[in-house]
Amino acid sequence: MEIYFAPLEGLTDSVFRRVHHTYFPGVQRYYMPFLSPTVHRCLTHKEERELPYADSVPFPAVPQILTKNAEDFLWAARVCHDRGYQEVNLNLGCPSGTVTAKGKGAGMLADPEALAGFLDVIFSQALTAISLKTRLGISSEEEFPALLEVFNRYPIHLLILHPRLRKDFYEAPIRETSLRYALEACRVPLCYNGNLCSLEDIRSFSQKHPEVESVMLGRGLIGDPGMVTPGGSTAAALEAYHDALLEEYLSAFGGSRNAMFRLKEHWRYLLCRFEGSEKLGKRLRKTTDLAEYRSITQEIFQTLPLKPRLEPNW
């Protein structure tokens, strides 16, 4: 079973990917948070930083592109190709209202034939392999067969399926009926993404669906960074990893406020791995002082027992 890391905006940036790979190996491929090309057709300073040359990092990574314009996609894909990437990923799954209102992300699923016209262009001209990350549709599972029929027309490198609708966001249960339909009817390589938060979850899914050769982990792997690493997420390993992330972010952001803010996003998930974390978690969320932040995190790692497995509360 191949393990891929999902592209999570504000969480899995270039700093995170490098540190996570160093401390918790076991992920075969990291997908990057989306690049959204504009009419200016140039990378911003942040995008330059977040899209390093492929041979400068010691692990496979895949850029993700968010756009509804085929020419913009091809421009971004060409930039990625020139930086050494052999695959790019099209975002058809983002459910954010600000994204879908512009017809991007999951918003592109509303019109299967318009989507097909977009895919006609990019698959005929792209210099790299193209994978897609998608949902089942906008508001009804009845939308999915038409979408899958479109996907089956193209040489998709990998179809990463998150079996929820746009209206489900990330909270509703996985739609098992549509997942089973996808496994029966999909004619391109398929990767499953959704609600895998432990090795037991991965093993159970693999036993139930042995035909699926890869899974993508997201929030579960943020909450339990060593989930797929031999030895797992010990408290000592988590502390070393967290402290390395903190130092990298302090250097990257040039100050403590943004570094702490970035890591507090991680703690929303990491705290689910610790017993009795409510009190310290509340203090952690409130603090704006770096010394106090360090003291609280040290207390979490060194005094709170780890749960046997991640217990999500999101």
C-alpha atoms as a PDB file:
ATOM      1  CA  MET A   1       0.000   0.000   0.000  1.00  0.00           C
ATOM      2  CA  GLU A   2       1.450   3.350  -1.076  1.00  0.00           C
ATOM      3  CA  ILE A   3       0.974   6.233   1.374  1.00  0.00           C
ATOM      4  CA  TYR A   4       0.566   9.798   0.115  1.00  0.00           C
ATOM      5  CA  PHE A   5       0.298  13.007   2.130  1.00  0.00           C
ATOM      6  CA  ALA A   6      -2.636  15.245   1.228  1.00  0.00           C
ATOM      7  CA  PRO A   7      -2.142  18.917   0.294  1.00  0.00           C
ATOM      8  CA  LEU A   8      -3.463  20.881   3.286  1.00  0.00           C
ATOM      9  CA  GLU A   9      -3.403  24.644   2.898  1.00  0.00           C
ATOM     10  CA  GLY A  10      -1.646  26.340   5.821  1.00  0.00           C
ATOM     11  CA  LEU A  11      -0.278  23.047   7.133  1.00  0.00           C
ATOM     12  CA  THR A  12       1.805  21.040   4.659  1.00  0.00           C
ATOM     13  CA  ASP A  13       4.067  23.774   3.303  1.00  0.00           C
ATOM     14  CA  SER A  14       7.660  23.265   2.139  1.00  0.00           C
ATOM     15  CA  VAL A  15       9.074  23.637   5.664  1.00  0.00           C
ATOM     16  CA  PHE A  16       6.663  21.062   7.032  1.00  0.00           C
ATOM     17  CA  ARG A  17       7.288  18.546   4.247  1.00  0.00           C
ATOM     18  CA  ARG A  18      11.044  18.688   4.763  1.00  0.00           C
ATOM     19  CA  VAL A  19      10.867  18.334   8.549  1.00  0.00           C
ATOM     20  CA  HIS A  20       8.197  15.647   8.494  1.00  0.00           C
ATOM     21  CA  HIS A  21      10.167  13.538   6.025  1.00  0.00           C
ATOM     22  CA  THR A  22      13.293  13.860   8.198  1.00  0.00           C
ATOM     23  CA  TYR A  23      11.668  12.835  11.466  1.00  0.00           C
ATOM     24  CA  PHE A  24       8.903  10.516  10.264  1.00  0.00           C
ATOM     25  CA  PRO A  25       9.800   8.733   7.005  1.00  0.00           C
ATOM     26  CA  GLY A  26       7.292   6.386   5.411  1.00  0.00           C
ATOM     27  CA  VAL A  27       5.300   8.642   3.083  1.00  0.00           C
ATOM     28  CA  GLN A  28       5.937   7.784  -0.570  1.00  0.00           C
ATOM     29  CA  ARG A  29       4.716  11.075  -2.031  1.00  0.00           C
ATOM     30  CA  TYR A  30       3.792  14.527  -0.734  1.00  0.00           C
ATOM     31  CA  TYR A  31       1.181  16.536  -2.617  1.00  0.00           C
ATOM     32  CA  MET A  32       1.671  20.279  -2.283  1.00  0.00           C
ATOM     33  CA  PRO A  33      -1.022  22.814  -1.346  1.00  0.00           C
ATOM     34  CA  PHE A  34      -2.398  24.390  -4.471  1.00  0.00           C
ATOM     35  CA  LEU A  35      -0.750  26.919  -6.741  1.00  0.00           C
ATOM     36  CA  SER A  36      -3.391  29.256  -8.186  1.00  0.00           C
ATOM     37  CA  PRO A  37      -2.075  30.959 -11.355  1.00  0.00           C
ATOM     38  CA  THR A  38      -3.182  34.489 -12.176  1.00  0.00           C
ATOM     39  CA  VAL A  39      -3.323  36.575 -15.337  1.00  0.00           C
ATOM     40  CA  HIS A  40       0.153  37.894 -14.515  1.00  0.00           C
ATOM     41  CA  ARG A  41       1.690  34.479 -15.280  1.00  0.00           C
ATOM     42  CA  CYS A  42       4.532  34.767 -12.805  1.00  0.00           C
ATOM     43  CA  LEU A  43       5.338  33.153  -9.473  1.00  0.00           C
ATOM     44  CA  THR A  44       5.157  35.266  -6.343  1.00  0.00           C
ATOM     45  CA  HIS A  45       8.012  35.157  -3.835  1.00  0.00           C
ATOM     46  CA  LYS A  46       5.958  32.786  -1.677  1.00  0.00           C
ATOM     47  CA  GLU A  47       5.209  30.529  -4.654  1.00  0.00           C
ATOM     48  CA  GLU A  48       8.902  30.454  -5.562  1.00  0.00           C
ATOM     49  CA  ARG A  49       9.643  29.275  -2.031  1.00  0.00           C
ATOM     50  CA  GLU A  50       6.831  26.742  -1.990  1.00  0.00           C
ATOM     51  CA  LEU A  51       7.779  25.253  -5.370  1.00  0.00           C
ATOM     52  CA  PRO A  52      11.428  24.285  -4.952  1.00  0.00           C
ATOM     53  CA  TYR A  53      13.239  22.563  -7.792  1.00  0.00           C
ATOM     54  CA  ALA A  54      12.361  18.886  -7.635  1.00  0.00           C
ATOM     55  CA  ASP A  55      15.954  17.726  -7.332  1.00  0.00           C
ATOM     56  CA  SER A  56      16.529  19.973  -4.293  1.00  0.00           C
ATOM     57  CA  VAL A  57      14.345  17.873  -1.984  1.00  0.00           C
ATOM     58  CA  PRO A  58      15.068  14.235  -1.048  1.00  0.00           C
ATOM     59  CA  PHE A  59      11.525  12.918  -1.503  1.00  0.00           C
ATOM     60  CA  PRO A  60       8.896  12.815  -4.258  1.00  0.00           C
ATOM     61  CA  ALA A  61       6.513  15.777  -4.246  1.00  0.00           C
ATOM     62  CA  VAL A  62       3.680  16.753  -6.578  1.00  0.00           C
ATOM     63  CA  PRO A  63       2.522  20.334  -7.196  1.00  0.00           C
ATOM     64  CA  GLN A  64      -1.218  20.924  -7.166  1.00  0.00           C
ATOM     65  CA  ILE A  65      -2.876  23.489  -9.437  1.00  0.00           C
ATOM     66  CA  LEU A  66      -6.171  25.267  -8.754  1.00  0.00           C
ATOM     67  CA  THR A  67      -7.732  26.978 -11.766  1.00  0.00           C
ATOM     68  CA  LYS A  68     -10.717  26.759 -14.121  1.00  0.00           C
ATOM     69  CA  ASN A  69      -8.773  28.168 -17.066  1.00  0.00           C
ATOM     70  CA  ALA A  70      -7.022  25.581 -19.225  1.00  0.00           C
ATOM     71  CA  GLU A  71      -4.346  27.985 -20.478  1.00  0.00           C
ATOM     72  CA  ASP A  72      -3.530  29.017 -16.910  1.00  0.00           C
ATOM     73  CA  PHE A  73      -3.243  25.360 -15.954  1.00  0.00           C
ATOM     74  CA  LEU A  74      -0.891  24.680 -18.855  1.00  0.00           C
ATOM     75  CA  TRP A  75       1.280  27.655 -17.919  1.00  0.00           C
ATOM     76  CA  ALA A  76       1.555  26.467 -14.307  1.00  0.00           C
ATOM     77  CA  ALA A  77       2.171  22.882 -15.404  1.00  0.00           C
ATOM     78  CA  ARG A  78       4.968  24.102 -17.695  1.00  0.00           C
ATOM     79  CA  VAL A  79       6.579  25.965 -14.783  1.00  0.00           C
ATOM     80  CA  CYS A  80       6.406  22.786 -12.704  1.00  0.00           C
ATOM     81  CA  HIS A  81       7.875  20.742 -15.563  1.00  0.00           C
ATOM     82  CA  ASP A  82      10.735  23.204 -15.941  1.00  0.00           C
ATOM     83  CA  ARG A  83      11.439  22.807 -12.206  1.00  0.00           C
ATOM     84  CA  GLY A  84      11.789  19.071 -12.639  1.00  0.00           C
ATOM     85  CA  TYR A  85       8.358  17.747 -11.672  1.00  0.00           C
ATOM     86  CA  GLN A  86       6.977  14.808 -13.648  1.00  0.00           C
ATOM     87  CA  GLU A  87       3.401  15.028 -12.342  1.00  0.00           C
ATOM     88  CA  VAL A  88       0.986  17.826 -11.535  1.00  0.00           C
ATOM     89  CA  ASN A  89      -2.325  17.495  -9.730  1.00  0.00           C
ATOM     90  CA  LEU A  90      -5.563  19.269 -10.629  1.00  0.00           C
ATOM     91  CA  ASN A  91      -7.648  20.379  -7.644  1.00  0.00           C
ATOM     92  CA  LEU A  92     -11.284  19.397  -8.196  1.00  0.00           C
ATOM     93  CA  GLY A  93     -12.001  18.891  -4.521  1.00  0.00           C
ATOM     94  CA  CYS A  94     -11.663  22.138  -2.578  1.00  0.00           C
ATOM     95  CA  PRO A  95     -15.139  22.858  -1.108  1.00  0.00           C
ATOM     96  CA  SER A  96     -14.404  26.396   0.139  1.00  0.00           C
ATOM     97  CA  GLY A  97     -17.152  28.857  -0.742  1.00  0.00           C
ATOM     98  CA  THR A  98     -14.656  31.471  -1.923  1.00  0.00           C
ATOM     99  CA  VAL A  99     -13.153  28.893  -4.309  1.00  0.00           C
ATOM    100  CA  THR A 100     -16.305  27.222  -5.610  1.00  0.00           C
ATOM    101  CA  ALA A 101     -18.075  30.561  -6.132  1.00  0.00           C
ATOM    102  CA  LYS A 102     -15.441  31.260  -8.798  1.00  0.00           C
ATOM    103  CA  GLY A 103     -16.054  27.897 -10.443  1.00  0.00           C
ATOM    104  CA  LYS A 104     -12.768  26.448  -9.209  1.00  0.00           C
ATOM    105  CA  GLY A 105     -11.990  23.403  -7.095  1.00  0.00           C
ATOM    106  CA  ALA A 106     -15.138  21.365  -6.456  1.00  0.00           C
ATOM    107  CA  GLY A 107     -17.042  24.077  -8.319  1.00  0.00           C
ATOM    108  CA  MET A 108     -15.783  22.559 -11.575  1.00  0.00           C
ATOM    109  CA  LEU A 109     -17.820  19.416 -10.871  1.00  0.00           C
ATOM    110  CA  ALA A 110     -21.097  21.260 -11.462  1.00  0.00           C
ATOM    111  CA  ASP A 111     -20.841  20.935 -15.257  1.00  0.00           C
ATOM    112  CA  PRO A 112     -19.334  17.620 -16.432  1.00  0.00           C
ATOM    113  CA  GLU A 113     -19.198  18.558 -20.112  1.00  0.00           C
ATOM    114  CA  ALA A 114     -17.503  21.895 -19.406  1.00  0.00           C
ATOM    115  CA  LEU A 115     -15.041  19.950 -17.273  1.00  0.00           C
ATOM    116  CA  ALA A 116     -14.497  17.577 -20.193  1.00  0.00           C
ATOM    117  CA  GLY A 117     -13.686  20.529 -22.443  1.00  0.00           C
ATOM    118  CA  PHE A 118     -11.100  21.698 -19.899  1.00  0.00           C
ATOM    119  CA  LEU A 119      -9.590  18.204 -19.661  1.00  0.00           C
ATOM    120  CA  ASP A 120      -9.488  17.891 -23.473  1.00  0.00           C
ATOM    121  CA  VAL A 121      -7.156  20.872 -23.618  1.00  0.00           C
ATOM    122  CA  ILE A 122      -4.848  20.069 -20.727  1.00  0.00           C
ATOM    123  CA  PHE A 123      -4.406  16.383 -21.560  1.00  0.00           C
ATOM    124  CA  SER A 124      -3.631  17.187 -25.191  1.00  0.00           C
ATOM    125  CA  GLN A 125      -0.924  19.735 -24.366  1.00  0.00           C
ATOM    126  CA  ALA A 126       0.566  19.165 -20.895  1.00  0.00           C
ATOM    127  CA  LEU A 127       4.237  18.195 -20.643  1.00  0.00           C
ATOM    128  CA  THR A 128       3.737  16.226 -17.409  1.00  0.00           C
ATOM    129  CA  ALA A 129       1.531  13.427 -16.152  1.00  0.00           C
ATOM    130  CA  ILE A 130      -1.719  14.752 -14.658  1.00  0.00           C
ATOM    131  CA  SER A 131      -3.510  13.417 -11.600  1.00  0.00           C
ATOM    132  CA  LEU A 132      -6.864  14.649 -10.305  1.00  0.00           C
ATOM    133  CA  LYS A 133      -8.102  15.081  -6.737  1.00  0.00           C
ATOM    134  CA  THR A 134     -11.878  15.069  -6.751  1.00  0.00           C
ATOM    135  CA  ARG A 135     -15.111  14.739  -4.829  1.00  0.00           C
ATOM    136  CA  LEU A 136     -18.304  12.960  -5.853  1.00  0.00           C
ATOM    137  CA  GLY A 137     -20.102  16.076  -6.984  1.00  0.00           C
ATOM    138  CA  ILE A 138     -21.778  19.169  -5.582  1.00  0.00           C
ATOM    139  CA  SER A 139     -24.969  18.173  -3.779  1.00  0.00           C
ATOM    140  CA  SER A 140     -26.054  14.667  -4.827  1.00  0.00           C
ATOM    141  CA  GLU A 141     -24.371  11.303  -5.297  1.00  0.00           C
ATOM    142  CA  GLU A 142     -26.380  10.970  -8.495  1.00  0.00           C
ATOM    143  CA  GLU A 143     -23.919  13.420 -10.063  1.00  0.00           C
ATOM    144  CA  PHE A 144     -20.974  11.049  -9.731  1.00  0.00           C
ATOM    145  CA  PRO A 145     -21.584   8.519 -12.551  1.00  0.00           C
ATOM    146  CA  ALA A 146     -21.518  11.299 -15.172  1.00  0.00           C
ATOM    147  CA  LEU A 147     -18.330  12.700 -13.665  1.00  0.00           C
ATOM    148  CA  LEU A 148     -16.654   9.303 -13.575  1.00  0.00           C
ATOM    149  CA  GLU A 149     -17.642   8.716 -17.198  1.00  0.00           C
ATOM    150  CA  VAL A 150     -15.773  11.930 -18.039  1.00  0.00           C
ATOM    151  CA  PHE A 151     -12.716  10.924 -16.009  1.00  0.00           C
ATOM    152  CA  ASN A 152     -12.606   7.534 -17.721  1.00  0.00           C
ATOM    153  CA  ARG A 153     -12.037   9.237 -21.103  1.00  0.00           C
ATOM    154  CA  TYR A 154      -8.556  10.508 -20.182  1.00  0.00           C
ATOM    155  CA  PRO A 155      -5.125   9.038 -19.383  1.00  0.00           C
ATOM    156  CA  ILE A 156      -5.296  10.201 -15.777  1.00  0.00           C
ATOM    157  CA  HIS A 157      -2.136   9.287 -13.900  1.00  0.00           C
ATOM    158  CA  LEU A 158      -4.057   8.887 -10.635  1.00  0.00           C
ATOM    159  CA  LEU A 159      -7.622   9.697  -9.592  1.00  0.00           C
ATOM    160  CA  ILE A 160      -7.569  10.644  -5.906  1.00  0.00           C
ATOM    161  CA  LEU A 161     -11.125  10.253  -4.681  1.00  0.00           C
ATOM    162  CA  HIS A 162     -12.476  11.903  -1.553  1.00  0.00           C
ATOM    163  CA  PRO A 163     -15.917  10.243  -1.389  1.00  0.00           C
ATOM    164  CA  ARG A 164     -17.871  13.194  -0.099  1.00  0.00           C
ATOM    165  CA  LEU A 165     -19.892  15.868  -1.877  1.00  0.00           C
ATOM    166  CA  ARG A 166     -18.978  19.527  -1.927  1.00  0.00           C
ATOM    167  CA  LYS A 167     -21.861  20.228   0.479  1.00  0.00           C
ATOM    168  CA  ASP A 168     -20.421  17.665   2.934  1.00  0.00           C
ATOM    169  CA  PHE A 169     -17.176  19.621   3.381  1.00  0.00           C
ATOM    170  CA  TYR A 170     -15.152  17.357   5.736  1.00  0.00           C
ATOM    171  CA  GLU A 171     -17.686  16.509   8.418  1.00  0.00           C
ATOM    172  CA  ALA A 172     -20.271  14.179   6.853  1.00  0.00           C
ATOM    173  CA  PRO A 173     -19.676  10.412   6.765  1.00  0.00           C
ATOM    174  CA  ILE A 174     -17.860   8.873   3.826  1.00  0.00           C
ATOM    175  CA  ARG A 175     -20.374   7.918   1.128  1.00  0.00           C
ATOM    176  CA  GLU A 176     -19.694   4.198   0.896  1.00  0.00           C
ATOM    177  CA  THR A 177     -22.147   3.452  -1.915  1.00  0.00           C
ATOM    178  CA  SER A 178     -20.423   5.856  -4.278  1.00  0.00           C
ATOM    179  CA  LEU A 179     -17.023   4.569  -3.215  1.00  0.00           C
ATOM    180  CA  ARG A 180     -18.064   1.028  -4.150  1.00  0.00           C
ATOM    181  CA  TYR A 181     -19.379   2.297  -7.472  1.00  0.00           C
ATOM    182  CA  ALA A 182     -16.065   4.051  -8.161  1.00  0.00           C
ATOM    183  CA  LEU A 183     -14.092   0.899  -7.408  1.00  0.00           C
ATOM    184  CA  GLU A 184     -16.233  -1.058  -9.858  1.00  0.00           C
ATOM    185  CA  ALA A 185     -16.498   1.501 -12.663  1.00  0.00           C
ATOM    186  CA  CYS A 186     -13.249   3.471 -12.560  1.00  0.00           C
ATOM    187  CA  ARG A 187     -10.883   2.619 -15.430  1.00  0.00           C
ATOM    188  CA  VAL A 188      -7.912   4.699 -14.252  1.00  0.00           C
ATOM    189  CA  PRO A 189      -5.664   4.147 -11.208  1.00  0.00           C
ATOM    190  CA  LEU A 190      -7.563   5.162  -8.072  1.00  0.00           C
ATOM    191  CA  CYS A 191      -6.301   6.445  -4.717  1.00  0.00           C
ATOM    192  CA  TYR A 192      -8.608   6.667  -1.692  1.00  0.00           C
ATOM    193  CA  ASN A 193      -8.641   9.739   0.575  1.00  0.00           C
ATOM    194  CA  GLY A 194     -10.809  10.169   3.655  1.00  0.00           C
ATOM    195  CA  ASN A 195     -11.032   9.431   7.397  1.00  0.00           C
ATOM    196  CA  LEU A 196      -7.935   7.252   7.756  1.00  0.00           C
ATOM    197  CA  CYS A 197      -6.551   8.188  11.181  1.00  0.00           C
ATOM    198  CA  SER A 198      -4.546   5.142  12.282  1.00  0.00           C
ATOM    199  CA  LEU A 199      -2.640   2.153  10.965  1.00  0.00           C
ATOM    200  CA  GLU A 200      -5.642   0.071  11.974  1.00  0.00           C
ATOM    201  CA  ASP A 201      -7.847   2.205   9.712  1.00  0.00           C
ATOM    202  CA  ILE A 202      -5.434   1.742   6.805  1.00  0.00           C
ATOM    203  CA  ARG A 203      -5.197  -2.014   7.328  1.00  0.00           C
ATOM    204  CA  SER A 204      -8.956  -2.345   7.628  1.00  0.00           C
ATOM    205  CA  PHE A 205      -9.501  -0.364   4.441  1.00  0.00           C
ATOM    206  CA  SER A 206      -6.870  -2.402   2.598  1.00  0.00           C
ATOM    207  CA  GLN A 207      -8.457  -5.695   3.686  1.00  0.00           C
ATOM    208  CA  LYS A 208     -11.880  -4.464   2.593  1.00  0.00           C
ATOM    209  CA  HIS A 209     -10.637  -3.022  -0.718  1.00  0.00           C
ATOM    210  CA  PRO A 210      -7.465  -4.920  -1.716  1.00  0.00           C
ATOM    211  CA  GLU A 211      -7.717  -3.585  -5.277  1.00  0.00           C
ATOM    212  CA  VAL A 212      -6.812  -0.066  -4.075  1.00  0.00           C
ATOM    213  CA  GLU A 213      -3.043   0.319  -4.181  1.00  0.00           C
ATOM    214  CA  SER A 214      -2.671   3.768  -2.589  1.00  0.00           C
ATOM    215  CA  VAL A 215      -4.280   5.922   0.069  1.00  0.00           C
ATOM    216  CA  MET A 216      -3.892   9.601   0.841  1.00  0.00           C
ATOM    217  CA  LEU A 217      -3.729  10.729   4.463  1.00  0.00           C
ATOM    218  CA  GLY A 218      -4.455  14.270   5.610  1.00  0.00           C
ATOM    219  CA  ARG A 219      -5.591  15.442   9.026  1.00  0.00           C
ATOM    220  CA  GLY A 220      -4.893  12.043  10.562  1.00  0.00           C
ATOM    221  CA  LEU A 221      -1.225  12.301   9.633  1.00  0.00           C
ATOM    222  CA  ILE A 222      -1.018  15.839  11.008  1.00  0.00           C
ATOM    223  CA  GLY A 223      -2.427  14.562  14.315  1.00  0.00           C
ATOM    224  CA  ASP A 224      -0.237  11.458  14.357  1.00  0.00           C
ATOM    225  CA  PRO A 225       2.838  12.382  12.268  1.00  0.00           C
ATOM    226  CA  GLY A 226       4.535   9.037  12.859  1.00  0.00           C
ATOM    227  CA  MET A 227       1.514   6.927  11.983  1.00  0.00           C
ATOM    228  CA  VAL A 228       3.258   5.132   9.111  1.00  0.00           C
ATOM    229  CA  THR A 229       6.806   5.311  10.491  1.00  0.00           C
ATOM    230  CA  PRO A 230       8.400   2.255  12.156  1.00  0.00           C
ATOM    231  CA  GLY A 231       8.360   2.971  15.868  1.00  0.00           C
ATOM    232  CA  GLY A 232       5.454   5.371  15.506  1.00  0.00           C
ATOM    233  CA  SER A 233       4.839   8.652  17.276  1.00  0.00           C
ATOM    234  CA  THR A 234       6.603   8.408  20.609  1.00  0.00           C
ATOM    235  CA  ALA A 235       6.441  11.470  22.850  1.00  0.00           C
ATOM    236  CA  ALA A 236      10.187  12.028  22.456  1.00  0.00           C
ATOM    237  CA  ALA A 237       9.995  11.784  18.667  1.00  0.00           C
ATOM    238  CA  LEU A 238       7.019  14.160  18.570  1.00  0.00           C
ATOM    239  CA  GLU A 239       8.828  16.693  20.732  1.00  0.00           C
ATOM    240  CA  ALA A 240      11.968  16.615  18.584  1.00  0.00           C
ATOM    241  CA  TYR A 241       9.855  16.981  15.444  1.00  0.00           C
ATOM    242  CA  HIS A 242       7.799  19.844  16.876  1.00  0.00           C
ATOM    243  CA  ASP A 243      10.864  21.704  18.119  1.00  0.00           C
ATOM    244  CA  ALA A 244      12.539  21.359  14.716  1.00  0.00           C
ATOM    245  CA  LEU A 245       9.398  22.725  13.046  1.00  0.00           C
ATOM    246  CA  LEU A 246       9.318  25.641  15.468  1.00  0.00           C
ATOM    247  CA  GLU A 247      12.938  26.585  14.788  1.00  0.00           C
ATOM    248  CA  GLU A 248      12.419  26.320  11.026  1.00  0.00           C
ATOM    249  CA  TYR A 249       9.313  28.523  11.173  1.00  0.00           C
ATOM    250  CA  LEU A 250      11.015  31.072  13.419  1.00  0.00           C
ATOM    251  CA  SER A 251      13.741  31.340  10.798  1.00  0.00           C
ATOM    252  CA  ALA A 252      11.358  31.356   7.824  1.00  0.00           C
ATOM    253  CA  PHE A 253       8.938  33.924   9.240  1.00  0.00           C
ATOM    254  CA  GLY A 254      11.513  36.112  10.960  1.00  0.00           C
ATOM    255  CA  GLY A 255       9.506  36.289  14.167  1.00  0.00           C
ATOM    256  CA  SER A 256       7.611  34.319  16.756  1.00  0.00           C
ATOM    257  CA  ARG A 257       4.021  35.431  16.140  1.00  0.00           C
ATOM    258  CA  ASN A 258       3.590  33.846  12.698  1.00  0.00           C
ATOM    259  CA  ALA A 259       5.632  30.785  13.679  1.00  0.00           C
ATOM    260  CA  MET A 260       3.401  30.112  16.694  1.00  0.00           C
ATOM    261  CA  PHE A 261       0.264  30.800  14.659  1.00  0.00           C
ATOM    262  CA  ARG A 262       1.308  28.230  12.047  1.00  0.00           C
ATOM    263  CA  LEU A 263       2.049  25.596  14.667  1.00  0.00           C
ATOM    264  CA  LYS A 264      -1.159  26.244  16.570  1.00  0.00           C
ATOM    265  CA  GLU A 265      -2.946  25.036  13.441  1.00  0.00           C
ATOM    266  CA  HIS A 266      -1.065  21.750  13.855  1.00  0.00           C
ATOM    267  CA  TRP A 267      -1.913  21.526  17.544  1.00  0.00           C
ATOM    268  CA  ARG A 268      -5.625  21.409  16.703  1.00  0.00           C
ATOM    269  CA  TYR A 269      -4.887  17.868  15.494  1.00  0.00           C
ATOM    270  CA  LEU A 270      -1.839  16.930  17.586  1.00  0.00           C
ATOM    271  CA  LEU A 271      -3.717  17.437  20.861  1.00  0.00           C
ATOM    272  CA  CYS A 272      -6.018  14.574  19.877  1.00  0.00           C
ATOM    273  CA  ARG A 273      -3.067  12.224  20.446  1.00  0.00           C
ATOM    274  CA  PHE A 274      -2.665  13.157  24.136  1.00  0.00           C
ATOM    275  CA  GLU A 275      -4.685  12.182  27.190  1.00  0.00           C
ATOM    276  CA  GLY A 276      -6.148  15.018  29.263  1.00  0.00           C
ATOM    277  CA  SER A 277      -4.946  17.796  26.963  1.00  0.00           C
ATOM    278  CA  GLU A 278      -7.888  20.181  27.466  1.00  0.00           C
ATOM    279  CA  LYS A 279      -6.326  22.487  30.072  1.00  0.00           C
ATOM    280  CA  LEU A 280      -2.905  22.795  28.437  1.00  0.00           C
ATOM    281  CA  GLY A 281      -4.527  23.035  25.016  1.00  0.00           C
ATOM    282  CA  LYS A 282      -6.563  26.021  26.152  1.00  0.00           C
ATOM    283  CA  ARG A 283      -3.443  27.757  27.482  1.00  0.00           C
ATOM    284  CA  LEU A 284      -1.623  26.966  24.259  1.00  0.00           C
ATOM    285  CA  ARG A 285      -4.330  28.537  22.107  1.00  0.00           C
ATOM    286  CA  LYS A 286      -4.326  31.731  24.178  1.00  0.00           C
ATOM    287  CA  THR A 287      -0.614  32.418  24.532  1.00  0.00           C
ATOM    288  CA  THR A 288       1.154  34.990  22.384  1.00  0.00           C
ATOM    289  CA  ASP A 289       4.489  34.709  24.221  1.00  0.00           C
ATOM    290  CA  LEU A 290       7.157  32.472  22.702  1.00  0.00           C
ATOM    291  CA  ALA A 291       8.735  31.504  26.047  1.00  0.00           C
ATOM    292  CA  GLU A 292       5.337  30.532  27.437  1.00  0.00           C
ATOM    293  CA  TYR A 293       4.547  28.638  24.236  1.00  0.00           C
ATOM    294  CA  ARG A 294       7.773  26.633  24.592  1.00  0.00           C
ATOM    295  CA  SER A 295       7.002  25.891  28.245  1.00  0.00           C
ATOM    296  CA  ILE A 296       3.459  24.698  27.511  1.00  0.00           C
ATOM    297  CA  THR A 297       4.496  22.454  24.635  1.00  0.00           C
ATOM    298  CA  GLN A 298       7.293  20.951  26.695  1.00  0.00           C
ATOM    299  CA  GLU A 299       4.787  20.185  29.455  1.00  0.00           C
ATOM    300  CA  ILE A 300       2.471  18.502  26.951  1.00  0.00           C
ATOM    301  CA  PHE A 301       5.191  16.281  25.548  1.00  0.00           C
ATOM    302  CA  GLN A 302       6.767  15.398  28.883  1.00  0.00           C
ATOM    303  CA  THR A 303       3.779  14.997  31.202  1.00  0.00           C
ATOM    304  CA  LEU A 304       0.707  13.976  29.193  1.00  0.00           C
ATOM    305  CA  PRO A 305       0.387  10.284  28.285  1.00  0.00           C
ATOM    306  CA  LEU A 306      -0.071   9.382  24.648  1.00  0.00           C
ATOM    307  CA  LYS A 307      -3.328   7.738  23.661  1.00  0.00           C
ATOM    308  CA  PRO A 308      -2.994   4.295  22.042  1.00  0.00           C
ATOM    309  CA  ARG A 309      -4.194   5.885  18.800  1.00  0.00           C
ATOM    310  CA  LEU A 310      -5.366   9.231  17.503  1.00  0.00           C
ATOM    311  CA  GLU A 311      -8.911  10.093  18.619  1.00  0.00           C
ATOM    312  CA  PRO A 312     -10.153  12.791  16.228  1.00  0.00           C
ATOM    313  CA  ASN A 313     -12.493  15.493  17.549  1.00  0.00           C
ATOM    314  CA  TRP A 314     -12.627  17.557  14.384  1.00  0.00           C
END
